[in-house]
Amino acid sequence: MEIEARRRRWALVLAIMGTVLVWLPIVAPLVLGLGMWIGRGRLLVDYLMPGELFALILAGGLLLLTAALVQRQRQLVVTLLLGGAVALLVGSQGIAVATGLASGRNEATGWRLVAVMVPYALFVAAAVGLGVLGIRMVGELRDRQAST
């Protein structure tokens, strides 16, 4: 029984740390944009920040995957969301290179911009999904810990 309680406690710590790391790159541009709006009267949001801070999303996702493995639940969903986020970001960057947007050879307009931004938007959606899943994992683990 003691081993099970330790396993759940460890999974909870991993899930909390992973959730915080996943949400940081998503929430940071919104908080900074709000600060800019209050301070300067202009709402400026760096929507590329989640991609720039992808290492945090990856680290958080790996912690959530570890928590899922420790608690023996939701491994597939975490793996699919994390793998999808990685693939979509790499795909978006690959399309940017292939279309000449990354080098500046072509202007970021029209179909080229759409081709890059659609997988990027899906990457952000996958990261948000991973963050929401992390919140649910933390809640469930806390409920289980409180009930024992």
C-alpha atoms as a PDB file:
ATOM      1  CA  MET A   1       0.000   0.000   0.000  1.00  0.00           C
ATOM      2  CA  GLU A   2       2.826   2.401   0.820  1.00  0.00           C
ATOM      3  CA  ILE A   3       4.420   1.803  -2.588  1.00  0.00           C
ATOM      4  CA  GLU A   4       1.156   2.678  -4.323  1.00  0.00           C
ATOM      5  CA  ALA A   5       0.859   5.943  -2.354  1.00  0.00           C
ATOM      6  CA  ARG A   6       4.439   6.890  -3.256  1.00  0.00           C
ATOM      7  CA  ARG A   7       3.801   6.085  -6.901  1.00  0.00           C
ATOM      8  CA  ARG A   8       0.728   8.334  -6.922  1.00  0.00           C
ATOM      9  CA  ARG A   9       2.582  11.136  -5.129  1.00  0.00           C
ATOM     10  CA  TRP A  10       5.447  10.912  -7.638  1.00  0.00           C
ATOM     11  CA  ALA A  11       2.988  10.954 -10.562  1.00  0.00           C
ATOM     12  CA  LEU A  12       1.313  14.036  -9.073  1.00  0.00           C
ATOM     13  CA  VAL A  13       4.617  15.918  -8.785  1.00  0.00           C
ATOM     14  CA  LEU A  14       5.540  15.008 -12.367  1.00  0.00           C
ATOM     15  CA  ALA A  15       2.094  16.007 -13.648  1.00  0.00           C
ATOM     16  CA  ILE A  16       2.208  19.387 -11.885  1.00  0.00           C
ATOM     17  CA  MET A  17       5.698  20.193 -13.186  1.00  0.00           C
ATOM     18  CA  GLY A  18       4.812  19.033 -16.693  1.00  0.00           C
ATOM     19  CA  THR A  19       1.590  21.021 -16.777  1.00  0.00           C
ATOM     20  CA  VAL A  20       3.331  24.217 -15.674  1.00  0.00           C
ATOM     21  CA  LEU A  21       6.056  23.792 -18.305  1.00  0.00           C
ATOM     22  CA  VAL A  22       3.536  23.135 -21.087  1.00  0.00           C
ATOM     23  CA  TRP A  23       1.396  26.163 -20.185  1.00  0.00           C
ATOM     24  CA  LEU A  24       4.260  28.669 -19.799  1.00  0.00           C
ATOM     25  CA  PRO A  25       4.902  29.201 -23.551  1.00  0.00           C
ATOM     26  CA  ILE A  26       1.163  29.406 -24.209  1.00  0.00           C
ATOM     27  CA  VAL A  27       0.266  31.846 -21.439  1.00  0.00           C
ATOM     28  CA  ALA A  28       3.426  34.016 -21.615  1.00  0.00           C
ATOM     29  CA  PRO A  29       2.548  35.802 -24.886  1.00  0.00           C
ATOM     30  CA  LEU A  30      -0.937  36.556 -23.582  1.00  0.00           C
ATOM     31  CA  VAL A  31       0.347  37.969 -20.288  1.00  0.00           C
ATOM     32  CA  LEU A  32       3.066  39.997 -22.003  1.00  0.00           C
ATOM     33  CA  GLY A  33       0.565  41.256 -24.587  1.00  0.00           C
ATOM     34  CA  LEU A  34      -1.817  42.299 -21.850  1.00  0.00           C
ATOM     35  CA  GLY A  35       1.021  44.115 -20.089  1.00  0.00           C
ATOM     36  CA  MET A  36       1.887  45.909 -23.320  1.00  0.00           C
ATOM     37  CA  TRP A  37      -1.760  46.870 -23.786  1.00  0.00           C
ATOM     38  CA  ILE A  38      -2.021  48.277 -20.273  1.00  0.00           C
ATOM     39  CA  GLY A  39       1.359  50.009 -20.440  1.00  0.00           C
ATOM     40  CA  ARG A  40       1.361  51.403 -23.957  1.00  0.00           C
ATOM     41  CA  GLY A  41      -2.224  51.181 -25.094  1.00  0.00           C
ATOM     42  CA  ARG A  42      -1.410  48.701 -27.891  1.00  0.00           C
ATOM     43  CA  LEU A  43      -2.268  45.034 -27.835  1.00  0.00           C
ATOM     44  CA  LEU A  44       0.751  43.193 -29.252  1.00  0.00           C
ATOM     45  CA  VAL A  45       0.883  39.403 -28.892  1.00  0.00           C
ATOM     46  CA  ASP A  46       3.864  37.348 -30.039  1.00  0.00           C
ATOM     47  CA  TYR A  47       1.957  34.368 -31.430  1.00  0.00           C
ATOM     48  CA  LEU A  48       5.227  32.666 -32.413  1.00  0.00           C
ATOM     49  CA  MET A  49       6.412  32.424 -28.793  1.00  0.00           C
ATOM     50  CA  PRO A  50       5.059  28.879 -28.227  1.00  0.00           C
ATOM     51  CA  GLY A  51       7.238  27.720 -31.116  1.00  0.00           C
ATOM     52  CA  GLU A  52      10.221  29.689 -29.864  1.00  0.00           C
ATOM     53  CA  LEU A  53       9.828  28.181 -26.394  1.00  0.00           C
ATOM     54  CA  PHE A  54       9.123  24.693 -27.705  1.00  0.00           C
ATOM     55  CA  ALA A  55      11.794  23.189 -25.446  1.00  0.00           C
ATOM     56  CA  LEU A  56       9.533  23.941 -22.469  1.00  0.00           C
ATOM     57  CA  ILE A  57       6.558  22.285 -24.142  1.00  0.00           C
ATOM     58  CA  LEU A  58       8.692  19.260 -24.991  1.00  0.00           C
ATOM     59  CA  ALA A  59      10.094  18.988 -21.451  1.00  0.00           C
ATOM     60  CA  GLY A  60       6.626  19.395 -19.948  1.00  0.00           C
ATOM     61  CA  GLY A  61       5.163  16.860 -22.333  1.00  0.00           C
ATOM     62  CA  LEU A  62       7.854  14.350 -21.431  1.00  0.00           C
ATOM     63  CA  LEU A  63       7.117  14.900 -17.726  1.00  0.00           C
ATOM     64  CA  LEU A  64       3.403  14.361 -18.409  1.00  0.00           C
ATOM     65  CA  LEU A  65       4.236  11.198 -20.333  1.00  0.00           C
ATOM     66  CA  THR A  66       6.328   9.977 -17.415  1.00  0.00           C
ATOM     67  CA  ALA A  67       3.449  10.750 -15.022  1.00  0.00           C
ATOM     68  CA  ALA A  68       1.079   8.841 -17.310  1.00  0.00           C
ATOM     69  CA  LEU A  69       3.447   5.866 -17.339  1.00  0.00           C
ATOM     70  CA  VAL A  70       3.821   5.961 -13.549  1.00  0.00           C
ATOM     71  CA  GLN A  71       0.058   6.039 -13.004  1.00  0.00           C
ATOM     72  CA  ARG A  72      -0.510   3.622 -15.907  1.00  0.00           C
ATOM     73  CA  GLN A  73      -3.165   5.794 -17.535  1.00  0.00           C
ATOM     74  CA  ARG A  74      -3.462   8.035 -20.584  1.00  0.00           C
ATOM     75  CA  GLN A  75      -0.094   7.098 -22.090  1.00  0.00           C
ATOM     76  CA  LEU A  76      -1.546   6.910 -25.596  1.00  0.00           C
ATOM     77  CA  VAL A  77      -3.289  10.303 -25.452  1.00  0.00           C
ATOM     78  CA  VAL A  78      -0.204  12.062 -24.060  1.00  0.00           C
ATOM     79  CA  THR A  79       2.001  10.361 -26.659  1.00  0.00           C
ATOM     80  CA  LEU A  80      -0.312  11.335 -29.520  1.00  0.00           C
ATOM     81  CA  LEU A  81      -0.592  14.971 -28.411  1.00  0.00           C
ATOM     82  CA  LEU A  82       3.139  15.335 -27.782  1.00  0.00           C
ATOM     83  CA  GLY A  83       4.102  13.525 -30.985  1.00  0.00           C
ATOM     84  CA  GLY A  84       1.556  15.549 -32.929  1.00  0.00           C
ATOM     85  CA  ALA A  85       2.917  18.804 -31.514  1.00  0.00           C
ATOM     86  CA  VAL A  86       6.466  17.847 -32.479  1.00  0.00           C
ATOM     87  CA  ALA A  87       5.464  16.724 -35.972  1.00  0.00           C
ATOM     88  CA  LEU A  88       3.334  19.806 -36.621  1.00  0.00           C
ATOM     89  CA  LEU A  89       6.023  22.249 -35.516  1.00  0.00           C
ATOM     90  CA  VAL A  90       8.696  20.475 -37.553  1.00  0.00           C
ATOM     91  CA  GLY A  91       6.297  20.343 -40.501  1.00  0.00           C
ATOM     92  CA  SER A  92       5.512  24.035 -40.234  1.00  0.00           C
ATOM     93  CA  GLN A  93       9.203  24.902 -40.163  1.00  0.00           C
ATOM     94  CA  GLY A  94       9.913  22.542 -43.061  1.00  0.00           C
ATOM     95  CA  ILE A  95       7.201  24.188 -45.137  1.00  0.00           C
ATOM     96  CA  ALA A  96       8.638  27.618 -44.267  1.00  0.00           C
ATOM     97  CA  VAL A  97      12.040  26.508 -45.552  1.00  0.00           C
ATOM     98  CA  ALA A  98      10.588  24.831 -48.666  1.00  0.00           C
ATOM     99  CA  THR A  99       8.479  27.861 -49.631  1.00  0.00           C
ATOM    100  CA  GLY A 100      11.271  30.353 -49.067  1.00  0.00           C
ATOM    101  CA  LEU A 101       9.562  32.136 -46.183  1.00  0.00           C
ATOM    102  CA  ALA A 102      12.238  31.133 -43.679  1.00  0.00           C
ATOM    103  CA  SER A 103      15.020  32.709 -45.721  1.00  0.00           C
ATOM    104  CA  GLY A 104      13.011  35.757 -46.752  1.00  0.00           C
ATOM    105  CA  ARG A 105      13.301  34.808 -50.421  1.00  0.00           C
ATOM    106  CA  ASN A 106       9.506  35.033 -50.727  1.00  0.00           C
ATOM    107  CA  GLU A 107       7.138  37.433 -49.026  1.00  0.00           C
ATOM    108  CA  ALA A 108       5.007  36.020 -46.204  1.00  0.00           C
ATOM    109  CA  THR A 109       1.642  36.372 -47.919  1.00  0.00           C
ATOM    110  CA  GLY A 110      -0.950  34.267 -49.675  1.00  0.00           C
ATOM    111  CA  TRP A 111      -0.864  30.511 -49.895  1.00  0.00           C
ATOM    112  CA  ARG A 112       2.703  30.290 -48.574  1.00  0.00           C
ATOM    113  CA  LEU A 113       1.761  31.975 -45.328  1.00  0.00           C
ATOM    114  CA  VAL A 114      -1.356  29.815 -44.980  1.00  0.00           C
ATOM    115  CA  ALA A 115       0.680  26.662 -45.667  1.00  0.00           C
ATOM    116  CA  VAL A 116       3.024  27.546 -42.805  1.00  0.00           C
ATOM    117  CA  MET A 117       0.467  28.916 -40.340  1.00  0.00           C
ATOM    118  CA  VAL A 118      -2.100  26.097 -40.501  1.00  0.00           C
ATOM    119  CA  PRO A 119       0.260  23.422 -39.121  1.00  0.00           C
ATOM    120  CA  TYR A 120       1.621  25.991 -36.654  1.00  0.00           C
ATOM    121  CA  ALA A 121      -1.896  26.732 -35.377  1.00  0.00           C
ATOM    122  CA  LEU A 122      -2.513  22.992 -35.053  1.00  0.00           C
ATOM    123  CA  PHE A 123       0.773  22.729 -33.121  1.00  0.00           C
ATOM    124  CA  VAL A 124      -0.467  25.353 -30.662  1.00  0.00           C
ATOM    125  CA  ALA A 125      -3.797  23.509 -30.411  1.00  0.00           C
ATOM    126  CA  ALA A 126      -1.952  20.259 -29.631  1.00  0.00           C
ATOM    127  CA  ALA A 127       0.095  22.061 -26.963  1.00  0.00           C
ATOM    128  CA  VAL A 128      -3.094  23.484 -25.423  1.00  0.00           C
ATOM    129  CA  GLY A 129      -4.610  19.991 -25.509  1.00  0.00           C
ATOM    130  CA  LEU A 130      -1.540  18.672 -23.711  1.00  0.00           C
ATOM    131  CA  GLY A 131      -1.899  21.426 -21.106  1.00  0.00           C
ATOM    132  CA  VAL A 132      -5.596  20.688 -20.572  1.00  0.00           C
ATOM    133  CA  LEU A 133      -4.816  16.989 -20.246  1.00  0.00           C
ATOM    134  CA  GLY A 134      -2.159  17.861 -17.666  1.00  0.00           C
ATOM    135  CA  ILE A 135      -4.686  19.842 -15.642  1.00  0.00           C
ATOM    136  CA  ARG A 136      -7.076  16.879 -15.730  1.00  0.00           C
ATOM    137  CA  MET A 137      -4.307  14.488 -14.697  1.00  0.00           C
ATOM    138  CA  VAL A 138      -3.365  16.709 -11.737  1.00  0.00           C
ATOM    139  CA  GLY A 139      -7.002  16.951 -10.650  1.00  0.00           C
ATOM    140  CA  GLU A 140      -7.546  13.207 -10.814  1.00  0.00           C
ATOM    141  CA  LEU A 141      -4.307  12.470  -8.975  1.00  0.00           C
ATOM    142  CA  ARG A 142      -5.186  14.967  -6.239  1.00  0.00           C
ATOM    143  CA  ASP A 143      -8.644  13.442  -5.864  1.00  0.00           C
ATOM    144  CA  ARG A 144      -7.158   9.950  -5.546  1.00  0.00           C
ATOM    145  CA  GLN A 145      -4.586  11.153  -3.029  1.00  0.00           C
ATOM    146  CA  ALA A 146      -7.258  12.903  -0.940  1.00  0.00           C
ATOM    147  CA  SER A 147      -9.469   9.802  -0.916  1.00  0.00           C
ATOM    148  CA  THR A 148      -6.742   7.581   0.557  1.00  0.00           C
END
